[in-house]
Structure formats: structure tokens, C-alpha cells
Amino acid sequence: LNKVKKAVKILVFVAGTDTFYQQPAVANGASELLMDLLGHVPSRSAIGTNALPGNIPVEIEAIFEVEA
């Protein structure tokens, strides 16, 4: 983590039912963690899906800027 300059963007996939609309609230956990670790929140997208690989509930893709 010492080499991470900033989080640029995160993409959060949330598995749920057809009537679940709280994907952004689930993604807040990732945003809050990055705020605690790095002092800022990156741009973010939250997407709902009916299933994820391995039956996991949440998948997060992140792009970080790191020191050379």
C-alpha cells in the first residue's frame, strides 16, 4: 500500500434478485475502505447482476495509480 498514490476507479458488481436495487449502498463499503486507507474516494460504478462466478455476492475491480 505504500506505493499506491491513489485509487482511480472502482467497479462493483453485486449479485442480487430482480427486486434488489441497493447496489450503490453495497458499493459504499468499498468506497469507505479506500477512504480510510488512502484518504479519498475514487470514481465508482455499481452494477447489479443475477449471479457472479463461484456464487460470490460481490466482485470489485479497481484501478490504482502507483509510484514507479
PDB file of N, CA and C in Angstrom:
ATOM      1  N   LEU A   1       0.804  -1.210   0.000  1.00  0.00           N
ATOM      2  CA  LEU A   1       0.000   0.000   0.000  1.00  0.00           C
ATOM      3  C   LEU A   1       0.842   1.267   0.000  1.00  0.00           C
ATOM      4  N   ASN A   2       2.078   1.164   0.432  1.00  0.00           N
ATOM      5  CA  ASN A   2       2.932   2.348   0.475  1.00  0.00           C
ATOM      6  C   ASN A   2       3.190   2.928  -0.907  1.00  0.00           C
ATOM      7  N   LYS A   3       3.100   2.128  -1.953  1.00  0.00           N
ATOM      8  CA  LYS A   3       3.359   2.607  -3.311  1.00  0.00           C
ATOM      9  C   LYS A   3       2.099   3.106  -4.017  1.00  0.00           C
ATOM     10  N   VAL A   4       0.941   2.910  -3.420  1.00  0.00           N
ATOM     11  CA  VAL A   4      -0.308   3.365  -4.035  1.00  0.00           C
ATOM     12  C   VAL A   4      -0.433   4.866  -3.847  1.00  0.00           C
ATOM     13  N   LYS A   5      -0.505   5.596  -4.963  1.00  0.00           N
ATOM     14  CA  LYS A   5      -0.683   7.041  -4.905  1.00  0.00           C
ATOM     15  C   LYS A   5      -2.160   7.385  -4.746  1.00  0.00           C
ATOM     16  N   LYS A   6      -2.985   6.713  -5.540  1.00  0.00           N
ATOM     17  CA  LYS A   6      -4.423   6.943  -5.421  1.00  0.00           C
ATOM     18  C   LYS A   6      -5.192   5.841  -6.120  1.00  0.00           C
ATOM     19  N   ALA A   7      -6.436   5.684  -5.711  1.00  0.00           N
ATOM     20  CA  ALA A   7      -7.371   4.801  -6.408  1.00  0.00           C
ATOM     21  C   ALA A   7      -8.030   5.663  -7.480  1.00  0.00           C
ATOM     22  N   VAL A   8      -7.999   5.199  -8.708  1.00  0.00           N
ATOM     23  CA  VAL A   8      -8.539   5.974  -9.820  1.00  0.00           C
ATOM     24  C   VAL A   8     -10.023   5.682 -10.008  1.00  0.00           C
ATOM     25  N   LYS A   9     -10.377   4.377 -10.011  1.00  0.00           N
ATOM     26  CA  LYS A   9     -11.764   3.988 -10.261  1.00  0.00           C
ATOM     27  C   LYS A   9     -12.000   2.602  -9.698  1.00  0.00           C
ATOM     28  N   ILE A  10     -13.220   2.379  -9.191  1.00  0.00           N
ATOM     29  CA  ILE A  10     -13.622   1.024  -8.828  1.00  0.00           C
ATOM     30  C   ILE A  10     -14.937   0.701  -9.531  1.00  0.00           C
ATOM     31  N   LEU A  11     -15.083  -0.561  -9.863  1.00  0.00           N
ATOM     32  CA  LEU A  11     -16.293  -1.083 -10.480  1.00  0.00           C
ATOM     33  C   LEU A  11     -16.764  -2.223  -9.596  1.00  0.00           C
ATOM     34  N   VAL A  12     -17.976  -2.110  -9.068  1.00  0.00           N
ATOM     35  CA  VAL A  12     -18.500  -3.076  -8.116  1.00  0.00           C
ATOM     36  C   VAL A  12     -19.678  -3.812  -8.749  1.00  0.00           C
ATOM     37  N   PHE A  13     -19.558  -5.130  -8.827  1.00  0.00           N
ATOM     38  CA  PHE A  13     -20.646  -5.985  -9.288  1.00  0.00           C
ATOM     39  C   PHE A  13     -21.299  -6.603  -8.067  1.00  0.00           C
ATOM     40  N   VAL A  14     -22.627  -6.521  -7.971  1.00  0.00           N
ATOM     41  CA  VAL A  14     -23.359  -7.033  -6.820  1.00  0.00           C
ATOM     42  C   VAL A  14     -24.404  -8.032  -7.303  1.00  0.00           C
ATOM     43  N   ALA A  15     -24.323  -9.273  -6.789  1.00  0.00           N
ATOM     44  CA  ALA A  15     -25.331 -10.278  -7.131  1.00  0.00           C
ATOM     45  C   ALA A  15     -26.578 -10.017  -6.295  1.00  0.00           C
ATOM     46  N   GLY A  16     -27.734 -10.192  -6.903  1.00  0.00           N
ATOM     47  CA  GLY A  16     -28.988  -9.978  -6.177  1.00  0.00           C
ATOM     48  C   GLY A  16     -30.174 -10.460  -6.982  1.00  0.00           C
ATOM     49  N   THR A  17     -31.333 -10.246  -6.422  1.00  0.00           N
ATOM     50  CA  THR A  17     -32.577 -10.634  -7.085  1.00  0.00           C
ATOM     51  C   THR A  17     -33.037  -9.521  -8.022  1.00  0.00           C
ATOM     52  N   ASP A  18     -34.077  -9.795  -8.780  1.00  0.00           N
ATOM     53  CA  ASP A  18     -34.619  -8.801  -9.704  1.00  0.00           C
ATOM     54  C   ASP A  18     -35.200  -7.585  -8.987  1.00  0.00           C
ATOM     55  N   THR A  19     -35.519  -7.727  -7.705  1.00  0.00           N
ATOM     56  CA  THR A  19     -36.120  -6.613  -6.963  1.00  0.00           C
ATOM     57  C   THR A  19     -35.137  -5.939  -6.006  1.00  0.00           C
ATOM     58  N   PHE A  20     -33.850  -6.273  -6.093  1.00  0.00           N
ATOM     59  CA  PHE A  20     -32.832  -5.643  -5.247  1.00  0.00           C
ATOM     60  C   PHE A  20     -32.250  -4.453  -5.995  1.00  0.00           C
ATOM     61  N   TYR A  21     -32.330  -3.271  -5.375  1.00  0.00           N
ATOM     62  CA  TYR A  21     -31.880  -2.041  -6.033  1.00  0.00           C
ATOM     63  C   TYR A  21     -30.848  -1.268  -5.219  1.00  0.00           C
ATOM     64  N   GLN A  22     -30.211  -1.917  -4.260  1.00  0.00           N
ATOM     65  CA  GLN A  22     -29.299  -1.226  -3.353  1.00  0.00           C
ATOM     66  C   GLN A  22     -27.821  -1.441  -3.688  1.00  0.00           C
ATOM     67  N   GLN A  23     -27.519  -1.667  -4.962  1.00  0.00           N
ATOM     68  CA  GLN A  23     -26.126  -1.880  -5.363  1.00  0.00           C
ATOM     69  C   GLN A  23     -25.210  -0.736  -4.915  1.00  0.00           C
ATOM     70  N   PRO A  24     -25.621   0.521  -5.057  1.00  0.00           N
ATOM     71  CA  PRO A  24     -24.739   1.602  -4.597  1.00  0.00           C
ATOM     72  C   PRO A  24     -24.456   1.538  -3.093  1.00  0.00           C
ATOM     73  N   ALA A  25     -25.428   1.126  -2.302  1.00  0.00           N
ATOM     74  CA  ALA A  25     -25.219   1.018  -0.857  1.00  0.00           C
ATOM     75  C   ALA A  25     -24.197  -0.078  -0.543  1.00  0.00           C
ATOM     76  N   VAL A  26     -24.231  -1.171  -1.286  1.00  0.00           N
ATOM     77  CA  VAL A  26     -23.251  -2.238  -1.099  1.00  0.00           C
ATOM     78  C   VAL A  26     -21.863  -1.726  -1.481  1.00  0.00           C
ATOM     79  N   ALA A  27     -21.788  -0.991  -2.569  1.00  0.00           N
ATOM     80  CA  ALA A  27     -20.504  -0.455  -3.035  1.00  0.00           C
ATOM     81  C   ALA A  27     -19.927   0.576  -2.066  1.00  0.00           C
ATOM     82  N   ASN A  28     -20.753   1.165  -1.225  1.00  0.00           N
ATOM     83  CA  ASN A  28     -20.259   2.136  -0.248  1.00  0.00           C
ATOM     84  C   ASN A  28     -19.197   1.527   0.662  1.00  0.00           C
ATOM     85  N   GLY A  29     -19.302   0.220   0.943  1.00  0.00           N
ATOM     86  CA  GLY A  29     -18.304  -0.433   1.781  1.00  0.00           C
ATOM     87  C   GLY A  29     -16.912  -0.326   1.184  1.00  0.00           C
ATOM     88  N   ALA A  30     -16.802  -0.549  -0.121  1.00  0.00           N
ATOM     89  CA  ALA A  30     -15.507  -0.431  -0.800  1.00  0.00           C
ATOM     90  C   ALA A  30     -15.030   1.016  -0.801  1.00  0.00           C
ATOM     91  N   SER A  31     -15.923   1.940  -1.031  1.00  0.00           N
ATOM     92  CA  SER A  31     -15.558   3.359  -1.032  1.00  0.00           C
ATOM     93  C   SER A  31     -15.070   3.793   0.342  1.00  0.00           C
ATOM     94  N   GLU A  32     -15.757   3.348   1.399  1.00  0.00           N
ATOM     95  CA  GLU A  32     -15.367   3.724   2.757  1.00  0.00           C
ATOM     96  C   GLU A  32     -14.006   3.137   3.120  1.00  0.00           C
ATOM     97  N   LEU A  33     -13.733   1.898   2.691  1.00  0.00           N
ATOM     98  CA  LEU A  33     -12.437   1.279   2.954  1.00  0.00           C
ATOM     99  C   LEU A  33     -11.315   2.080   2.285  1.00  0.00           C
ATOM    100  N   LEU A  34     -11.515   2.460   1.028  1.00  0.00           N
ATOM    101  CA  LEU A  34     -10.496   3.243   0.331  1.00  0.00           C
ATOM    102  C   LEU A  34     -10.321   4.619   0.962  1.00  0.00           C
ATOM    103  N   MET A  35     -11.401   5.198   1.447  1.00  0.00           N
ATOM    104  CA  MET A  35     -11.307   6.487   2.137  1.00  0.00           C
ATOM    105  C   MET A  35     -10.467   6.333   3.398  1.00  0.00           C
ATOM    106  N   ASP A  36     -10.693   5.265   4.142  1.00  0.00           N
ATOM    107  CA  ASP A  36      -9.917   5.032   5.367  1.00  0.00           C
ATOM    108  C   ASP A  36      -8.439   4.771   5.067  1.00  0.00           C
ATOM    109  N   LEU A  37      -8.160   4.019   4.003  1.00  0.00           N
ATOM    110  CA  LEU A  37      -6.787   3.648   3.673  1.00  0.00           C
ATOM    111  C   LEU A  37      -6.018   4.748   2.958  1.00  0.00           C
ATOM    112  N   LEU A  38      -6.682   5.422   2.013  1.00  0.00           N
ATOM    113  CA  LEU A  38      -5.972   6.350   1.128  1.00  0.00           C
ATOM    114  C   LEU A  38      -6.363   7.815   1.304  1.00  0.00           C
ATOM    115  N   GLY A  39      -7.439   8.067   2.030  1.00  0.00           N
ATOM    116  CA  GLY A  39      -7.849   9.444   2.268  1.00  0.00           C
ATOM    117  C   GLY A  39      -8.707  10.060   1.183  1.00  0.00           C
ATOM    118  N   HIS A  40      -9.133   9.274   0.223  1.00  0.00           N
ATOM    119  CA  HIS A  40     -10.025   9.802  -0.811  1.00  0.00           C
ATOM    120  C   HIS A  40     -10.873   8.668  -1.380  1.00  0.00           C
ATOM    121  N   VAL A  41     -11.938   9.061  -2.070  1.00  0.00           N
ATOM    122  CA  VAL A  41     -12.837   8.103  -2.715  1.00  0.00           C
ATOM    123  C   VAL A  41     -12.687   8.252  -4.226  1.00  0.00           C
ATOM    124  N   PRO A  42     -12.435   7.149  -4.944  1.00  0.00           N
ATOM    125  CA  PRO A  42     -12.299   7.231  -6.399  1.00  0.00           C
ATOM    126  C   PRO A  42     -13.667   7.316  -7.069  1.00  0.00           C
ATOM    127  N   SER A  43     -13.655   7.536  -8.381  1.00  0.00           N
ATOM    128  CA  SER A  43     -14.913   7.429  -9.102  1.00  0.00           C
ATOM    129  C   SER A  43     -15.378   5.982  -9.007  1.00  0.00           C
ATOM    130  N   ARG A  44     -16.694   5.767  -9.086  1.00  0.00           N
ATOM    131  CA  ARG A  44     -17.213   4.446  -8.809  1.00  0.00           C
ATOM    132  C   ARG A  44     -18.444   4.154  -9.644  1.00  0.00           C
ATOM    133  N   SER A  45     -18.565   2.885 -10.029  1.00  0.00           N
ATOM    134  CA  SER A  45     -19.765   2.378 -10.674  1.00  0.00           C
ATOM    135  C   SER A  45     -20.217   1.155  -9.901  1.00  0.00           C
ATOM    136  N   ALA A  46     -21.529   0.982  -9.782  1.00  0.00           N
ATOM    137  CA  ALA A  46     -22.093  -0.197  -9.121  1.00  0.00           C
ATOM    138  C   ALA A  46     -23.103  -0.829 -10.069  1.00  0.00           C
ATOM    139  N   ILE A  47     -22.932  -2.116 -10.328  1.00  0.00           N
ATOM    140  CA  ILE A  47     -23.770  -2.821 -11.289  1.00  0.00           C
ATOM    141  C   ILE A  47     -24.382  -4.047 -10.635  1.00  0.00           C
ATOM    142  N   GLY A  48     -25.669  -4.244 -10.849  1.00  0.00           N
ATOM    143  CA  GLY A  48     -26.361  -5.424 -10.326  1.00  0.00           C
ATOM    144  C   GLY A  48     -26.377  -6.538 -11.353  1.00  0.00           C
ATOM    145  N   THR A  49     -26.285  -7.762 -10.861  1.00  0.00           N
ATOM    146  CA  THR A  49     -26.326  -8.942 -11.726  1.00  0.00           C
ATOM    147  C   THR A  49     -27.031 -10.065 -10.977  1.00  0.00           C
ATOM    148  N   ASN A  50     -27.532 -11.046 -11.702  1.00  0.00           N
ATOM    149  CA  ASN A  50     -28.236 -12.145 -11.039  1.00  0.00           C
ATOM    150  C   ASN A  50     -27.292 -13.189 -10.474  1.00  0.00           C
ATOM    151  N   ALA A  51     -26.060 -13.265 -10.946  1.00  0.00           N
ATOM    152  CA  ALA A  51     -25.092 -14.241 -10.432  1.00  0.00           C
ATOM    153  C   ALA A  51     -23.678 -13.785 -10.771  1.00  0.00           C
ATOM    154  N   LEU A  52     -22.732 -14.223  -9.931  1.00  0.00           N
ATOM    155  CA  LEU A  52     -21.318 -13.962 -10.164  1.00  0.00           C
ATOM    156  C   LEU A  52     -20.562 -15.285 -10.103  1.00  0.00           C
ATOM    157  N   PRO A  53     -19.374 -15.356 -10.706  1.00  0.00           N
ATOM    158  CA  PRO A  53     -18.611 -16.599 -10.700  1.00  0.00           C
ATOM    159  C   PRO A  53     -18.378 -17.116  -9.271  1.00  0.00           C
ATOM    160  N   GLY A  54     -18.466 -18.418  -9.113  1.00  0.00           N
ATOM    161  CA  GLY A  54     -18.243 -19.025  -7.800  1.00  0.00           C
ATOM    162  C   GLY A  54     -19.327 -18.705  -6.794  1.00  0.00           C
ATOM    163  N   ASN A  55     -20.440 -18.176  -7.262  1.00  0.00           N
ATOM    164  CA  ASN A  55     -21.572 -17.806  -6.403  1.00  0.00           C
ATOM    165  C   ASN A  55     -21.180 -16.774  -5.337  1.00  0.00           C
ATOM    166  N   ILE A  56     -20.183 -15.916  -5.661  1.00  0.00           N
ATOM    167  CA  ILE A  56     -19.787 -14.880  -4.721  1.00  0.00           C
ATOM    168  C   ILE A  56     -20.810 -13.745  -4.755  1.00  0.00           C
ATOM    169  N   PRO A  57     -20.998 -13.020  -3.648  1.00  0.00           N
ATOM    170  CA  PRO A  57     -22.006 -11.959  -3.638  1.00  0.00           C
ATOM    171  C   PRO A  57     -21.541 -10.642  -4.249  1.00  0.00           C
ATOM    172  N   VAL A  58     -20.224 -10.362  -4.167  1.00  0.00           N
ATOM    173  CA  VAL A  58     -19.705  -9.076  -4.646  1.00  0.00           C
ATOM    174  C   VAL A  58     -18.351  -9.292  -5.309  1.00  0.00           C
ATOM    175  N   GLU A  59     -18.147  -8.622  -6.432  1.00  0.00           N
ATOM    176  CA  GLU A  59     -16.845  -8.624  -7.102  1.00  0.00           C
ATOM    177  C   GLU A  59     -16.452  -7.170  -7.342  1.00  0.00           C
ATOM    178  N   ILE A  60     -15.189  -6.837  -7.045  1.00  0.00           N
ATOM    179  CA  ILE A  60     -14.724  -5.459  -7.197  1.00  0.00           C
ATOM    180  C   ILE A  60     -13.497  -5.428  -8.096  1.00  0.00           C
ATOM    181  N   GLU A  61     -13.568  -4.572  -9.098  1.00  0.00           N
ATOM    182  CA  GLU A  61     -12.432  -4.320  -9.986  1.00  0.00           C
ATOM    183  C   GLU A  61     -11.936  -2.925  -9.663  1.00  0.00           C
ATOM    184  N   ALA A  62     -10.620  -2.760  -9.516  1.00  0.00           N
ATOM    185  CA  ALA A  62     -10.076  -1.456  -9.134  1.00  0.00           C
ATOM    186  C   ALA A  62      -8.885  -1.097 -10.009  1.00  0.00           C
ATOM    187  N   ILE A  63      -8.762   0.186 -10.271  1.00  0.00           N
ATOM    188  CA  ILE A  63      -7.615   0.734 -10.975  1.00  0.00           C
ATOM    189  C   ILE A  63      -6.923   1.691 -10.021  1.00  0.00           C
ATOM    190  N   PHE A  64      -5.612   1.444  -9.778  1.00  0.00           N
ATOM    191  CA  PHE A  64      -4.832   2.256  -8.859  1.00  0.00           C
ATOM    192  C   PHE A  64      -3.670   2.911  -9.596  1.00  0.00           C
ATOM    193  N   GLU A  65      -3.316   4.104  -9.179  1.00  0.00           N
ATOM    194  CA  GLU A  65      -2.080   4.740  -9.645  1.00  0.00           C
ATOM    195  C   GLU A  65      -1.013   4.446  -8.596  1.00  0.00           C
ATOM    196  N   VAL A  66       0.114   3.888  -9.043  1.00  0.00           N
ATOM    197  CA  VAL A  66       1.176   3.523  -8.108  1.00  0.00           C
ATOM    198  C   VAL A  66       2.463   4.263  -8.459  1.00  0.00           C
ATOM    199  N   GLU A  67       3.348   4.389  -7.482  1.00  0.00           N
ATOM    200  CA  GLU A  67       4.647   5.006  -7.704  1.00  0.00           C
ATOM    201  C   GLU A  67       5.505   4.064  -8.530  1.00  0.00           C
ATOM    202  N   ALA A  68       6.348   4.631  -9.366  1.00  0.00           N
ATOM    203  CA  ALA A  68       7.234   3.816 -10.198  1.00  0.00           C
ATOM    204  C   ALA A  68       8.377   3.241  -9.415  1.00  0.00           C
TER     205      ALA A  68
END
